[in-house]
N, C-alpha and C. Protein backbone atom coordinates (compact mmCIF):
# COMPACT_ATOMS: atom_id res chain seq x y z
N MET A 1 -30.69 13.02 -6.38
CA MET A 1 -29.83 11.84 -6.41
C MET A 1 -30.41 10.81 -7.38
N LYS A 2 -29.53 10.13 -8.10
CA LYS A 2 -29.96 9.11 -9.04
C LYS A 2 -30.53 7.91 -8.30
N ASN A 3 -31.39 7.16 -9.02
CA ASN A 3 -31.91 5.93 -8.45
C ASN A 3 -30.77 4.94 -8.20
N LEU A 4 -30.82 4.24 -7.08
CA LEU A 4 -29.77 3.31 -6.72
C LEU A 4 -30.13 1.90 -7.15
N ASN A 5 -29.16 1.20 -7.74
CA ASN A 5 -29.35 -0.20 -8.07
C ASN A 5 -28.97 -1.06 -6.87
N SER A 6 -29.69 -2.13 -6.69
CA SER A 6 -29.41 -3.06 -5.60
C SER A 6 -28.80 -4.34 -6.16
N PHE A 7 -27.67 -4.75 -5.57
CA PHE A 7 -27.01 -5.99 -5.97
C PHE A 7 -27.03 -6.97 -4.80
N LEU A 8 -27.44 -8.20 -5.06
CA LEU A 8 -27.53 -9.24 -4.05
C LEU A 8 -26.62 -10.41 -4.43
N PRO A 9 -26.37 -11.34 -3.49
CA PRO A 9 -25.47 -12.45 -3.80
C PRO A 9 -25.80 -13.19 -5.09
N ALA A 10 -27.07 -13.31 -5.41
CA ALA A 10 -27.44 -13.97 -6.67
C ALA A 10 -26.90 -13.19 -7.87
N ASP A 11 -26.86 -11.87 -7.74
CA ASP A 11 -26.31 -11.03 -8.81
C ASP A 11 -24.79 -11.18 -8.90
N PHE A 12 -24.15 -11.31 -7.73
CA PHE A 12 -22.70 -11.48 -7.72
C PHE A 12 -22.30 -12.71 -8.53
N GLU A 13 -23.08 -13.79 -8.37
CA GLU A 13 -22.75 -15.04 -9.04
C GLU A 13 -22.88 -14.93 -10.55
N GLN A 14 -23.71 -14.00 -11.02
CA GLN A 14 -23.93 -13.86 -12.45
C GLN A 14 -22.94 -12.91 -13.11
N MET A 15 -22.13 -12.24 -12.31
CA MET A 15 -21.18 -11.27 -12.85
C MET A 15 -20.05 -11.97 -13.60
N ASP A 16 -19.64 -11.37 -14.73
CA ASP A 16 -18.43 -11.80 -15.41
C ASP A 16 -17.25 -11.69 -14.46
N LYS A 17 -16.28 -12.60 -14.57
CA LYS A 17 -15.16 -12.64 -13.63
C LYS A 17 -14.43 -11.31 -13.54
N HIS A 18 -14.13 -10.70 -14.68
CA HIS A 18 -13.38 -9.44 -14.67
C HIS A 18 -14.23 -8.28 -14.14
N PHE A 19 -15.52 -8.30 -14.51
CA PHE A 19 -16.44 -7.28 -13.99
C PHE A 19 -16.51 -7.37 -12.47
N ARG A 20 -16.65 -8.59 -11.96
CA ARG A 20 -16.75 -8.80 -10.51
C ARG A 20 -15.49 -8.34 -9.80
N THR A 21 -14.33 -8.63 -10.37
CA THR A 21 -13.06 -8.22 -9.78
C THR A 21 -12.98 -6.71 -9.65
N HIS A 22 -13.29 -6.00 -10.74
CA HIS A 22 -13.24 -4.54 -10.70
C HIS A 22 -14.30 -3.97 -9.75
N PHE A 23 -15.49 -4.56 -9.78
CA PHE A 23 -16.61 -4.08 -8.96
C PHE A 23 -16.24 -4.09 -7.48
N PHE A 24 -15.76 -5.22 -6.98
CA PHE A 24 -15.49 -5.33 -5.55
C PHE A 24 -14.17 -4.68 -5.14
N ASN A 25 -13.23 -4.59 -6.06
CA ASN A 25 -11.98 -3.90 -5.72
C ASN A 25 -12.17 -2.40 -5.58
N SER A 26 -13.14 -1.84 -6.27
CA SER A 26 -13.39 -0.40 -6.16
C SER A 26 -14.49 -0.06 -5.17
N LEU A 27 -15.25 -1.05 -4.72
CA LEU A 27 -16.39 -0.82 -3.84
C LEU A 27 -15.99 -0.22 -2.49
N THR A 28 -14.84 -0.60 -1.97
CA THR A 28 -14.44 -0.16 -0.63
C THR A 28 -13.97 1.29 -0.57
N GLY A 29 -13.78 1.92 -1.72
CA GLY A 29 -13.36 3.32 -1.71
C GLY A 29 -11.90 3.47 -2.07
N PHE A 30 -11.42 4.71 -1.96
CA PHE A 30 -10.03 5.00 -2.30
C PHE A 30 -9.09 4.35 -1.30
N LYS A 31 -7.95 3.87 -1.79
CA LYS A 31 -7.04 3.08 -0.96
C LYS A 31 -5.63 3.66 -1.00
N SER A 32 -4.84 3.25 -0.01
CA SER A 32 -3.43 3.62 0.01
C SER A 32 -2.73 3.00 -1.20
N LEU A 33 -1.77 3.71 -1.74
CA LEU A 33 -1.01 3.24 -2.89
C LEU A 33 0.47 3.21 -2.52
N THR A 34 1.05 2.03 -2.50
CA THR A 34 2.46 1.90 -2.16
C THR A 34 3.13 0.88 -3.06
N LEU A 35 4.44 0.98 -3.12
CA LEU A 35 5.26 -0.04 -3.76
C LEU A 35 5.98 -0.81 -2.66
N ALA A 36 5.82 -2.12 -2.65
CA ALA A 36 6.47 -2.96 -1.65
C ALA A 36 7.79 -3.48 -2.22
N GLY A 37 8.88 -3.13 -1.54
CA GLY A 37 10.19 -3.58 -1.95
C GLY A 37 10.67 -4.74 -1.10
N THR A 38 11.13 -5.81 -1.74
CA THR A 38 11.65 -6.98 -1.03
C THR A 38 12.86 -7.51 -1.78
N GLN A 39 13.58 -8.43 -1.12
CA GLN A 39 14.63 -9.17 -1.81
C GLN A 39 14.77 -10.54 -1.15
N ASN A 40 15.30 -11.49 -1.90
CA ASN A 40 15.49 -12.82 -1.31
C ASN A 40 16.85 -12.90 -0.64
N GLU A 41 17.19 -14.08 -0.13
CA GLU A 41 18.43 -14.24 0.61
C GLU A 41 19.67 -14.08 -0.27
N LYS A 42 19.50 -14.13 -1.60
CA LYS A 42 20.61 -13.96 -2.53
C LYS A 42 20.73 -12.52 -3.02
N GLY A 43 19.82 -11.65 -2.57
CA GLY A 43 19.87 -10.26 -2.98
C GLY A 43 19.07 -9.94 -4.23
N GLN A 44 18.33 -10.91 -4.77
CA GLN A 44 17.47 -10.66 -5.93
C GLN A 44 16.29 -9.80 -5.50
N THR A 45 16.13 -8.63 -6.10
CA THR A 45 15.12 -7.67 -5.66
C THR A 45 13.78 -7.90 -6.35
N ASN A 46 12.73 -7.45 -5.67
CA ASN A 46 11.38 -7.53 -6.19
C ASN A 46 10.64 -6.26 -5.81
N LEU A 47 9.77 -5.79 -6.68
CA LEU A 47 8.98 -4.59 -6.41
C LEU A 47 7.57 -4.82 -6.91
N ALA A 48 6.57 -4.56 -6.05
CA ALA A 48 5.18 -4.83 -6.42
C ALA A 48 4.28 -3.73 -5.89
N VAL A 49 3.33 -3.30 -6.70
CA VAL A 49 2.38 -2.28 -6.29
C VAL A 49 1.35 -2.91 -5.36
N PHE A 50 1.08 -2.25 -4.23
CA PHE A 50 0.13 -2.74 -3.23
C PHE A 50 -0.89 -1.65 -2.89
N SER A 51 -2.16 -2.04 -2.84
CA SER A 51 -3.20 -1.11 -2.37
C SER A 51 -3.88 -1.62 -1.11
N GLN A 52 -3.62 -2.87 -0.75
CA GLN A 52 -4.23 -3.43 0.46
C GLN A 52 -3.29 -3.20 1.64
N VAL A 53 -3.24 -1.97 2.08
CA VAL A 53 -2.34 -1.56 3.17
C VAL A 53 -3.19 -1.07 4.34
N ILE A 54 -2.88 -1.57 5.55
CA ILE A 54 -3.75 -1.33 6.71
C ILE A 54 -2.94 -0.80 7.88
N HIS A 55 -3.40 0.29 8.48
CA HIS A 55 -2.81 0.77 9.73
C HIS A 55 -3.24 -0.16 10.85
N LEU A 56 -2.26 -0.75 11.54
CA LEU A 56 -2.56 -1.70 12.61
C LEU A 56 -2.37 -1.13 14.00
N GLY A 57 -1.69 0.00 14.12
CA GLY A 57 -1.50 0.58 15.45
C GLY A 57 -0.30 1.51 15.47
N ALA A 58 -0.27 2.37 16.50
CA ALA A 58 0.80 3.34 16.64
C ALA A 58 1.79 2.99 17.75
N ASP A 59 1.40 2.13 18.66
CA ASP A 59 2.28 1.77 19.78
C ASP A 59 2.03 0.32 20.20
N PRO A 60 2.76 -0.63 19.62
CA PRO A 60 3.87 -0.45 18.69
C PRO A 60 3.39 -0.02 17.31
N ALA A 61 4.26 0.66 16.59
CA ALA A 61 3.92 1.15 15.26
C ALA A 61 3.92 0.00 14.27
N MET A 62 2.73 -0.29 13.72
CA MET A 62 2.60 -1.45 12.84
C MET A 62 1.72 -1.14 11.63
N ILE A 63 2.07 -1.75 10.52
CA ILE A 63 1.28 -1.68 9.29
C ILE A 63 1.10 -3.10 8.78
N GLY A 64 -0.08 -3.37 8.22
CA GLY A 64 -0.34 -4.67 7.63
C GLY A 64 -0.53 -4.56 6.13
N ILE A 65 -0.13 -5.60 5.42
CA ILE A 65 -0.44 -5.69 3.99
C ILE A 65 -1.15 -7.02 3.75
N LEU A 66 -2.09 -7.00 2.82
CA LEU A 66 -2.85 -8.20 2.51
C LEU A 66 -2.36 -8.77 1.19
N VAL A 67 -1.97 -10.04 1.22
CA VAL A 67 -1.43 -10.72 0.04
C VAL A 67 -2.45 -11.74 -0.44
N ARG A 68 -2.59 -11.84 -1.74
CA ARG A 68 -3.52 -12.82 -2.30
C ARG A 68 -3.04 -14.25 -2.02
N PRO A 69 -3.94 -15.22 -2.13
CA PRO A 69 -3.58 -16.61 -1.78
C PRO A 69 -2.32 -17.09 -2.49
N ALA A 70 -1.55 -17.91 -1.79
CA ALA A 70 -0.29 -18.42 -2.33
C ALA A 70 -0.52 -19.63 -3.22
N SER A 71 -1.56 -19.58 -4.04
CA SER A 71 -1.87 -20.67 -4.97
C SER A 71 -0.97 -20.63 -6.19
N VAL A 72 -0.36 -19.47 -6.44
CA VAL A 72 0.66 -19.28 -7.48
C VAL A 72 1.83 -18.58 -6.81
N PRO A 73 3.01 -18.55 -7.43
CA PRO A 73 4.16 -17.88 -6.80
C PRO A 73 3.86 -16.42 -6.48
N ARG A 74 4.10 -16.04 -5.25
CA ARG A 74 3.98 -14.65 -4.79
C ARG A 74 5.36 -14.22 -4.33
N HIS A 75 6.09 -13.55 -5.20
CA HIS A 75 7.49 -13.26 -4.92
C HIS A 75 7.67 -12.36 -3.71
N SER A 76 6.78 -11.40 -3.52
CA SER A 76 6.89 -10.53 -2.34
C SER A 76 6.74 -11.34 -1.07
N LEU A 77 5.73 -12.19 -1.04
CA LEU A 77 5.48 -13.04 0.14
C LEU A 77 6.66 -13.97 0.38
N GLU A 78 7.15 -14.60 -0.67
CA GLU A 78 8.28 -15.52 -0.52
C GLU A 78 9.51 -14.80 0.03
N ASN A 79 9.77 -13.61 -0.47
CA ASN A 79 10.94 -12.86 -0.01
C ASN A 79 10.80 -12.42 1.44
N ILE A 80 9.60 -11.99 1.81
CA ILE A 80 9.37 -11.59 3.20
C ILE A 80 9.58 -12.80 4.12
N ASN A 81 9.10 -13.95 3.69
CA ASN A 81 9.28 -15.15 4.51
C ASN A 81 10.75 -15.54 4.64
N LYS A 82 11.54 -15.25 3.63
CA LYS A 82 12.95 -15.63 3.64
C LYS A 82 13.81 -14.65 4.44
N THR A 83 13.52 -13.36 4.34
CA THR A 83 14.39 -12.36 4.99
C THR A 83 13.75 -11.68 6.19
N GLY A 84 12.40 -11.65 6.23
CA GLY A 84 11.69 -11.03 7.34
C GLY A 84 11.51 -9.53 7.22
N PHE A 85 11.89 -8.93 6.09
CA PHE A 85 11.81 -7.48 5.95
C PHE A 85 11.13 -7.08 4.64
N PHE A 86 10.50 -5.91 4.65
CA PHE A 86 9.96 -5.32 3.42
C PHE A 86 9.85 -3.81 3.60
N THR A 87 9.75 -3.10 2.50
CA THR A 87 9.56 -1.65 2.54
C THR A 87 8.26 -1.29 1.85
N LEU A 88 7.66 -0.16 2.25
CA LEU A 88 6.51 0.41 1.57
C LEU A 88 6.88 1.82 1.16
N ASN A 89 6.62 2.16 -0.08
CA ASN A 89 7.05 3.43 -0.66
C ASN A 89 5.87 4.12 -1.35
N HIS A 90 5.59 5.36 -0.94
CA HIS A 90 4.47 6.09 -1.54
C HIS A 90 4.76 6.40 -3.00
N VAL A 91 3.70 6.42 -3.80
CA VAL A 91 3.81 6.64 -5.25
C VAL A 91 3.43 8.08 -5.58
N LYS A 92 4.21 8.68 -6.47
CA LYS A 92 3.92 10.03 -6.97
C LYS A 92 3.60 9.97 -8.46
N GLU A 93 3.00 11.04 -8.96
CA GLU A 93 2.58 11.07 -10.35
C GLU A 93 3.75 10.88 -11.31
N SER A 94 4.94 11.33 -10.91
CA SER A 94 6.10 11.27 -11.79
C SER A 94 6.51 9.84 -12.14
N PHE A 95 6.10 8.86 -11.33
CA PHE A 95 6.46 7.48 -11.66
C PHE A 95 5.29 6.50 -11.48
N VAL A 96 4.06 7.01 -11.58
CA VAL A 96 2.90 6.15 -11.38
C VAL A 96 2.76 5.09 -12.46
N LYS A 97 3.12 5.41 -13.70
CA LYS A 97 3.04 4.43 -14.78
C LYS A 97 4.00 3.28 -14.53
N LYS A 98 5.19 3.60 -14.04
CA LYS A 98 6.17 2.57 -13.70
C LYS A 98 5.67 1.73 -12.54
N ALA A 99 5.03 2.38 -11.57
CA ALA A 99 4.49 1.64 -10.42
C ALA A 99 3.44 0.64 -10.88
N HIS A 100 2.55 1.05 -11.77
CA HIS A 100 1.52 0.14 -12.26
C HIS A 100 2.12 -1.04 -13.01
N GLN A 101 3.19 -0.78 -13.75
CA GLN A 101 3.82 -1.84 -14.55
C GLN A 101 4.38 -2.96 -13.68
N THR A 102 4.69 -2.66 -12.41
CA THR A 102 5.21 -3.72 -11.53
C THR A 102 4.18 -4.81 -11.25
N SER A 103 2.92 -4.56 -11.59
CA SER A 103 1.88 -5.58 -11.38
C SER A 103 1.95 -6.69 -12.43
N ALA A 104 2.78 -6.48 -13.47
CA ALA A 104 2.96 -7.54 -14.47
C ALA A 104 3.64 -8.75 -13.84
N ARG A 105 3.39 -9.93 -14.36
CA ARG A 105 3.93 -11.16 -13.78
C ARG A 105 5.32 -11.45 -14.36
N TYR A 106 6.30 -10.77 -13.82
CA TYR A 106 7.68 -11.01 -14.23
C TYR A 106 8.20 -12.31 -13.61
N ALA A 107 9.16 -12.92 -14.29
CA ALA A 107 9.78 -14.13 -13.76
C ALA A 107 10.54 -13.80 -12.48
N GLU A 108 10.76 -14.79 -11.65
CA GLU A 108 11.39 -14.58 -10.34
C GLU A 108 12.79 -13.99 -10.46
N ASP A 109 13.50 -14.31 -11.54
CA ASP A 109 14.87 -13.84 -11.69
C ASP A 109 14.97 -12.48 -12.36
N ILE A 110 13.84 -11.83 -12.58
CA ILE A 110 13.82 -10.48 -13.16
C ILE A 110 13.41 -9.49 -12.08
N SER A 111 14.23 -8.46 -11.89
CA SER A 111 13.91 -7.43 -10.91
C SER A 111 12.97 -6.41 -11.53
N GLU A 112 11.84 -6.18 -10.87
CA GLU A 112 10.93 -5.14 -11.35
C GLU A 112 11.57 -3.76 -11.31
N PHE A 113 12.49 -3.54 -10.39
CA PHE A 113 13.22 -2.26 -10.38
C PHE A 113 13.84 -2.01 -11.75
N GLU A 114 14.57 -2.99 -12.25
CA GLU A 114 15.23 -2.85 -13.55
C GLU A 114 14.22 -2.86 -14.69
N ALA A 115 13.21 -3.71 -14.59
CA ALA A 115 12.25 -3.86 -15.68
C ALA A 115 11.46 -2.58 -15.95
N VAL A 116 11.11 -1.85 -14.88
CA VAL A 116 10.27 -0.65 -15.06
C VAL A 116 11.07 0.65 -14.97
N GLY A 117 12.33 0.57 -14.54
CA GLY A 117 13.16 1.77 -14.50
C GLY A 117 13.09 2.56 -13.21
N LEU A 118 12.95 1.87 -12.08
CA LEU A 118 13.02 2.53 -10.78
C LEU A 118 14.30 2.10 -10.07
N THR A 119 14.71 2.89 -9.06
CA THR A 119 16.03 2.73 -8.47
C THR A 119 15.95 2.18 -7.06
N PRO A 120 16.61 1.04 -6.78
CA PRO A 120 16.64 0.54 -5.40
C PRO A 120 17.57 1.38 -4.54
N PHE A 121 17.16 1.57 -3.30
CA PHE A 121 17.96 2.34 -2.33
C PHE A 121 17.97 1.56 -1.02
N TYR A 122 19.15 1.46 -0.41
CA TYR A 122 19.28 0.67 0.82
C TYR A 122 19.71 1.54 1.99
N SER A 123 19.21 1.19 3.16
CA SER A 123 19.69 1.78 4.40
C SER A 123 20.36 0.68 5.21
N GLU A 124 20.97 1.06 6.32
CA GLU A 124 21.66 0.08 7.16
C GLU A 124 20.68 -0.68 8.06
N ASN A 125 19.42 -0.27 8.08
CA ASN A 125 18.48 -0.80 9.07
C ASN A 125 17.52 -1.85 8.54
N ILE A 126 17.37 -1.93 7.21
CA ILE A 126 16.35 -2.80 6.62
C ILE A 126 16.99 -3.67 5.53
N LYS A 127 16.74 -4.96 5.60
CA LYS A 127 17.26 -5.89 4.59
C LYS A 127 16.26 -6.01 3.44
N ALA A 128 15.91 -4.87 2.89
CA ALA A 128 15.00 -4.82 1.75
C ALA A 128 15.21 -3.47 1.07
N PRO A 129 14.98 -3.40 -0.23
CA PRO A 129 15.23 -2.15 -0.96
C PRO A 129 14.07 -1.16 -0.87
N TYR A 130 14.42 0.10 -0.70
CA TYR A 130 13.46 1.19 -0.86
C TYR A 130 13.44 1.61 -2.33
N VAL A 131 12.45 2.46 -2.67
CA VAL A 131 12.40 3.09 -3.99
C VAL A 131 12.99 4.48 -3.85
N LYS A 132 14.09 4.72 -4.51
CA LYS A 132 14.79 6.00 -4.38
C LYS A 132 13.92 7.17 -4.83
N GLU A 133 13.07 6.94 -5.82
CA GLU A 133 12.23 8.02 -6.36
C GLU A 133 11.11 8.42 -5.39
N ALA A 134 10.82 7.61 -4.39
CA ALA A 134 9.73 7.89 -3.45
C ALA A 134 10.18 8.87 -2.38
N ASP A 135 9.30 9.79 -2.01
CA ASP A 135 9.61 10.75 -0.95
C ASP A 135 9.22 10.24 0.43
N ILE A 136 8.29 9.30 0.49
CA ILE A 136 7.90 8.69 1.78
C ILE A 136 8.22 7.21 1.70
N ARG A 137 9.12 6.76 2.60
CA ARG A 137 9.59 5.38 2.58
C ARG A 137 9.46 4.82 4.00
N ILE A 138 8.95 3.60 4.08
CA ILE A 138 8.71 2.95 5.38
C ILE A 138 9.39 1.58 5.36
N GLY A 139 10.24 1.34 6.35
CA GLY A 139 10.91 0.05 6.46
C GLY A 139 10.27 -0.78 7.56
N LEU A 140 9.97 -2.03 7.26
CA LEU A 140 9.22 -2.87 8.19
C LEU A 140 9.86 -4.24 8.38
N LYS A 141 9.65 -4.77 9.58
CA LYS A 141 10.03 -6.14 9.91
C LYS A 141 8.76 -6.94 10.11
N ALA A 142 8.63 -8.03 9.36
CA ALA A 142 7.44 -8.86 9.48
C ALA A 142 7.44 -9.56 10.84
N VAL A 143 6.32 -9.45 11.56
CA VAL A 143 6.26 -10.02 12.90
C VAL A 143 5.17 -11.07 13.06
N GLU A 144 4.22 -11.11 12.13
CA GLU A 144 3.12 -12.05 12.27
C GLU A 144 2.40 -12.23 10.94
N GLN A 145 1.87 -13.42 10.70
CA GLN A 145 1.05 -13.67 9.53
C GLN A 145 -0.26 -14.32 9.95
N LEU A 146 -1.32 -13.91 9.28
CA LEU A 146 -2.63 -14.47 9.56
C LEU A 146 -3.29 -14.86 8.25
N VAL A 147 -3.68 -16.10 8.13
CA VAL A 147 -4.39 -16.56 6.94
C VAL A 147 -5.89 -16.39 7.17
N ILE A 148 -6.53 -15.64 6.28
CA ILE A 148 -7.99 -15.49 6.34
C ILE A 148 -8.59 -16.77 5.76
N GLN A 149 -9.16 -17.58 6.61
CA GLN A 149 -9.57 -18.92 6.21
C GLN A 149 -10.65 -18.90 5.13
N SER A 150 -11.48 -17.89 5.12
CA SER A 150 -12.60 -17.85 4.17
C SER A 150 -12.14 -17.78 2.72
N ASN A 151 -11.00 -17.12 2.48
CA ASN A 151 -10.53 -16.99 1.09
C ASN A 151 -9.03 -17.20 0.92
N GLN A 152 -8.35 -17.54 2.01
CA GLN A 152 -6.91 -17.88 1.97
C GLN A 152 -6.00 -16.70 1.65
N THR A 153 -6.52 -15.47 1.74
CA THR A 153 -5.62 -14.32 1.66
C THR A 153 -4.79 -14.26 2.94
N ILE A 154 -3.65 -13.58 2.85
CA ILE A 154 -2.69 -13.60 3.95
C ILE A 154 -2.42 -12.18 4.43
N LEU A 155 -2.66 -11.91 5.69
CA LEU A 155 -2.36 -10.62 6.28
C LEU A 155 -0.98 -10.70 6.93
N ILE A 156 -0.07 -9.86 6.45
CA ILE A 156 1.27 -9.78 7.02
C ILE A 156 1.35 -8.54 7.89
N ALA A 157 1.60 -8.72 9.17
CA ALA A 157 1.75 -7.60 10.10
C ALA A 157 3.23 -7.24 10.19
N GLY A 158 3.54 -5.97 9.94
CA GLY A 158 4.91 -5.52 9.97
C GLY A 158 5.12 -4.44 11.02
N GLU A 159 6.20 -4.56 11.78
CA GLU A 159 6.59 -3.52 12.73
C GLU A 159 7.43 -2.49 12.01
N ILE A 160 7.08 -1.22 12.18
CA ILE A 160 7.82 -0.15 11.52
C ILE A 160 9.17 0.05 12.20
N ILE A 161 10.23 -0.14 11.43
CA ILE A 161 11.59 -0.01 11.94
C ILE A 161 12.20 1.32 11.56
N GLU A 162 11.76 1.87 10.43
CA GLU A 162 12.39 3.09 9.91
C GLU A 162 11.38 3.85 9.05
N VAL A 163 11.43 5.17 9.13
CA VAL A 163 10.61 6.03 8.28
C VAL A 163 11.50 7.12 7.70
N MET A 164 11.41 7.33 6.39
CA MET A 164 12.10 8.42 5.71
C MET A 164 11.06 9.28 5.01
N LEU A 165 11.09 10.58 5.26
CA LEU A 165 10.15 11.49 4.61
C LEU A 165 10.63 12.92 4.79
N PRO A 166 10.13 13.86 3.97
CA PRO A 166 10.52 15.26 4.10
C PRO A 166 10.02 15.85 5.43
N GLN A 167 10.87 16.55 6.13
CA GLN A 167 10.50 17.10 7.43
C GLN A 167 9.35 18.09 7.32
N GLU A 168 9.27 18.82 6.21
CA GLU A 168 8.26 19.87 6.10
C GLU A 168 6.84 19.34 6.00
N ILE A 169 6.64 18.08 5.71
CA ILE A 169 5.28 17.56 5.64
C ILE A 169 4.79 17.03 6.99
N VAL A 170 5.67 17.01 7.98
CA VAL A 170 5.29 16.56 9.33
C VAL A 170 4.91 17.79 10.15
N LYS A 171 3.66 17.90 10.53
CA LYS A 171 3.18 19.08 11.25
C LYS A 171 3.52 18.98 12.74
N SER A 172 3.29 20.06 13.46
CA SER A 172 3.72 20.15 14.86
C SER A 172 3.06 19.11 15.76
N ASP A 173 1.86 18.62 15.36
CA ASP A 173 1.17 17.62 16.17
C ASP A 173 1.41 16.20 15.67
N GLY A 174 2.33 16.04 14.71
CA GLY A 174 2.65 14.72 14.17
C GLY A 174 1.91 14.35 12.92
N PHE A 175 0.91 15.13 12.53
CA PHE A 175 0.13 14.86 11.33
C PHE A 175 1.02 14.95 10.09
N ILE A 176 0.94 13.93 9.23
CA ILE A 176 1.70 13.92 7.98
C ILE A 176 0.79 14.38 6.85
N ASP A 177 1.15 15.47 6.19
CA ASP A 177 0.34 16.05 5.13
C ASP A 177 0.64 15.35 3.82
N LEU A 178 -0.13 14.32 3.51
CA LEU A 178 0.09 13.54 2.30
C LEU A 178 -0.28 14.31 1.03
N HIS A 179 -1.17 15.29 1.17
CA HIS A 179 -1.49 16.14 0.02
C HIS A 179 -0.27 16.97 -0.35
N GLN A 180 0.37 17.56 0.65
CA GLN A 180 1.58 18.34 0.40
C GLN A 180 2.68 17.46 -0.19
N ALA A 181 2.72 16.21 0.23
CA ALA A 181 3.72 15.28 -0.27
C ALA A 181 3.41 14.80 -1.69
N ALA A 182 2.20 15.08 -2.15
CA ALA A 182 1.75 14.66 -3.49
C ALA A 182 1.67 13.15 -3.64
N SER A 183 1.37 12.46 -2.54
CA SER A 183 1.15 11.02 -2.60
C SER A 183 -0.17 10.75 -3.33
N LEU A 184 -0.16 9.74 -4.18
CA LEU A 184 -1.35 9.38 -4.93
C LEU A 184 -2.17 8.34 -4.17
N THR A 185 -3.41 8.18 -4.60
CA THR A 185 -4.28 7.13 -4.09
C THR A 185 -4.78 6.32 -5.28
N VAL A 186 -5.46 5.21 -5.00
CA VAL A 186 -5.90 4.32 -6.07
C VAL A 186 -7.33 3.87 -5.80
N SER A 187 -8.08 3.71 -6.87
CA SER A 187 -9.43 3.14 -6.81
C SER A 187 -9.44 1.87 -7.65
N GLY A 188 -9.90 0.79 -7.04
CA GLY A 188 -9.88 -0.47 -7.77
C GLY A 188 -8.47 -0.94 -8.02
N LEU A 189 -8.24 -1.48 -9.22
CA LEU A 189 -6.94 -2.06 -9.56
C LEU A 189 -6.09 -1.16 -10.45
N ASP A 190 -6.70 -0.15 -11.08
CA ASP A 190 -5.94 0.54 -12.12
C ASP A 190 -6.28 2.01 -12.30
N ALA A 191 -7.02 2.61 -11.37
CA ALA A 191 -7.38 4.02 -11.48
C ALA A 191 -6.63 4.81 -10.40
N TYR A 192 -5.75 5.70 -10.82
CA TYR A 192 -4.90 6.45 -9.90
C TYR A 192 -5.35 7.90 -9.84
N LEU A 193 -5.35 8.45 -8.60
CA LEU A 193 -5.90 9.78 -8.39
C LEU A 193 -5.01 10.59 -7.48
N SER A 194 -5.05 11.92 -7.70
CA SER A 194 -4.43 12.84 -6.76
C SER A 194 -5.50 13.31 -5.78
N THR A 195 -5.12 14.12 -4.79
CA THR A 195 -6.06 14.53 -3.75
C THR A 195 -6.32 16.03 -3.78
N ASN A 196 -7.46 16.41 -3.21
CA ASN A 196 -7.79 17.81 -2.96
C ASN A 196 -8.09 17.97 -1.48
N LYS A 197 -7.58 19.04 -0.88
CA LYS A 197 -7.86 19.31 0.53
C LYS A 197 -9.31 19.75 0.70
N ILE A 198 -9.97 19.23 1.72
CA ILE A 198 -11.32 19.67 2.08
C ILE A 198 -11.31 20.26 3.48
N ALA A 199 -10.96 19.46 4.47
CA ALA A 199 -10.95 19.95 5.85
C ALA A 199 -10.19 18.98 6.73
N ARG A 200 -9.72 19.50 7.85
CA ARG A 200 -9.18 18.68 8.93
C ARG A 200 -9.85 19.18 10.21
N PHE A 201 -10.50 18.27 10.94
CA PHE A 201 -11.30 18.66 12.10
C PHE A 201 -10.63 18.30 13.41
N SER A 202 -11.06 18.95 14.46
CA SER A 202 -10.59 18.65 15.81
C SER A 202 -11.15 17.31 16.27
N TYR A 203 -10.61 16.80 17.38
CA TYR A 203 -11.07 15.55 17.97
C TYR A 203 -12.55 15.69 18.36
N ALA A 204 -13.36 14.75 17.91
CA ALA A 204 -14.81 14.85 18.14
C ALA A 204 -15.18 14.48 19.57
N LYS A 205 -15.96 15.36 20.22
CA LYS A 205 -16.49 15.11 21.56
C LYS A 205 -17.98 15.42 21.55
N PRO A 206 -18.78 14.71 22.37
CA PRO A 206 -20.23 14.91 22.34
C PRO A 206 -20.67 16.32 22.68
N ASP A 207 -19.93 17.01 23.56
CA ASP A 207 -20.38 18.30 24.08
C ASP A 207 -19.54 19.48 23.59
N LYS A 208 -18.82 19.31 22.50
CA LYS A 208 -17.95 20.37 22.02
C LYS A 208 -18.05 20.48 20.51
N PRO A 209 -18.29 21.70 19.99
CA PRO A 209 -18.36 21.87 18.53
C PRO A 209 -17.01 21.54 17.87
N LEU A 210 -17.08 21.03 16.67
CA LEU A 210 -15.86 20.77 15.92
C LEU A 210 -15.17 22.06 15.53
N GLU A 211 -13.86 22.01 15.50
CA GLU A 211 -13.06 23.13 15.03
C GLU A 211 -12.35 22.73 13.74
N ASN A 212 -12.21 23.69 12.84
CA ASN A 212 -11.41 23.46 11.64
C ASN A 212 -9.95 23.69 11.98
N LEU A 213 -9.14 22.68 11.75
CA LEU A 213 -7.71 22.78 12.02
C LEU A 213 -7.00 23.27 10.77
N ALA A 214 -5.87 23.91 10.99
CA ALA A 214 -5.05 24.36 9.87
C ALA A 214 -4.62 23.15 9.05
N TYR A 215 -4.80 23.24 7.72
CA TYR A 215 -4.50 22.11 6.87
C TYR A 215 -4.02 22.60 5.52
C-alpha cells in the first residue's frame, strides 16, 4: 500500500477553493445520481442533477435531498416550496452528458428539459415532471425541511408517493438490481461511473456464516 498523506484543519484552510470543493465532494465515496424534476405554480419546469440523496426510511417510505444554502436563487428549492412535490430520476449513460449540463445556471424562465434535450413526463399523482428517458422514476411529496445550522444547507424530506421502474429489476425479496438497470453513480461533482457486480450477502448475524445471495 502507498504511503498515506494526512490532512488536518490547518491544511484545509490552505487549500484553493476549487481544490477544496472537489476534495471534500469526492471524499465521502460514490453517491447516488439522480435528476430532480420540479415545476412552479405556473407550470414552468426545472431539472437539476443531484448527488446528495439520502434514504430516510422504508415505513413510511422517505427519501431526503440536500440543497445548498439559499444565498442565491435555488430553483428546485423554490419550486418544491411552491408546489410541495418533486421527482427523482435515475441517470443512464445514454443521457449522462445532458444530465450534467443541467448543473449550469440557467435563468428561471428557461427549462433545463428544453435546454439540454430531455423530455418531461407527467403522471396523475405528482405535480412535478419526471424524465421520460429515465427507467427508474420516483415521485415525492415534501413533508419536512431541516436547516443544518452549521452551514445553512437544507435537508428536504420527501414521502415517496409513486415509483416507476421495470418489473424485471425487482427481485423476489424486493431488492432492486440497479446494476441490471444500468443506473450510474457519481464521484465528486463531475465524475460519472458505471457499476460492476461483486457480491450480495445474507443478513449478518453473530453466530451464522454469511451466504452469497444470487445477484
